[in-house]
Structures are given as C-alpha cells and as structure tokens.
Amino acid sequence: MGVSVVLSTLRTMLNGVTLPGMIGTLEAFITPPDPREDPPPAAYIWSSRGRESRQSLPRNQTMVQPPGTGFAQAAFKTIDHTVDVYVTWFGEATAPDADAAFPQGLDGIMQILRTGPSPLSVTDPATGIQSELVDIGERMNYQLVPMRSVRDQRILRYDCAFTLMILEEFQA
C-alpha cells in the first residue's frame, strides 16, 4: 500500500514496452541512472503529491492495543496519488519520421495506461498490506516541451511530462 507500490506498479506496466513510431523499447525507472544522454526512450516515475482520507468508521485499533486484542476489521480509506512520469527520447533531426515518431510513442504510452488492469489488487512487499489501485490511466494530463539539440547537433532531445491521478483503496 502507498507510494512505493504505486510507483513500482507503473514501472512494471511501462518497462520494456515497444513503442509505436519506431522510437524503440521504453526503459522505466524510479531512481534514474545518472547521467543519461543516450537514445533509448526512457520514463522516470515519481510521486509528486497525494491526499489520504477516511471514508467511514471504525478505525483499526490493532496498532494501539496489544496484538490480537484490537479490532481486526477496519473501515475504508483512500489515497489520491498524483504521479508524474517524465519521458525522454533522443532522435535524429533528419529522420524521415522526425515529426511523428515521438508523439506516436507518447500515444503508445497513454494507450498502455488507459487499457491496463483497473482495479488492480496489490500487496505492499514491505508491510503485507493489501489494497486496490483504481482508475489507472483514467485521469491523465500531458505536457510536451520544445525539443532541443544536444551536443551532437544531429540529435534532438524530446521531453514530455505526464501527470496521472490514481486512487488507492484499503482498510485501516
């Protein structure tokens, strides 16, 4: 449950996917390698903000009382995760498909996210707490920034930032 599960779920969904537009196979990272100035398309996934709220009572008391004496059943809580995915790609400025390759790759990423499993049951490997991720790929924004030349003037760097809103439901 929580931030680490959401980030690793998105990395699993995106890593190794062959993107349309002939731009290659996407490498997804939570902790990016440094420095990275090479052509394979890459996605860097990071949670930027979240909001947790309780939907109903009772509150789980097992952490307050000695184990085995508190409530086992708890009410539902939700976390609204806002996750940023930064996508980079380096392409040849003179390639015949230079105008379309990166946007087609971005369309491929959005298609993966909008058609992935939802709801998705997950278990936090650190705590063993189970939760459901809901609405993966249902609420997305993107922002393209202008491409720019790198040291080798024949190569352009393309960048896009996606913002995803993912709802997580669990009992606590």
Foldseek 3Di string as FASTA:
>chain_A
DDDVQVQVVLQVLQAQDAFPLPQGGEHEEQDDDPPDDDARKYKHKDWDDKDKDFDDDDAWCCVPDPHPPTDPFTGKMKMWIKMKIKIKGKDFPPDPSVPPRVVRRVVRSLVSQQPDDAFDWDADPVPRFIKTKHCRSVDKDKDWDDWDADPPNRMIMTMMMMITIIMIMGGD
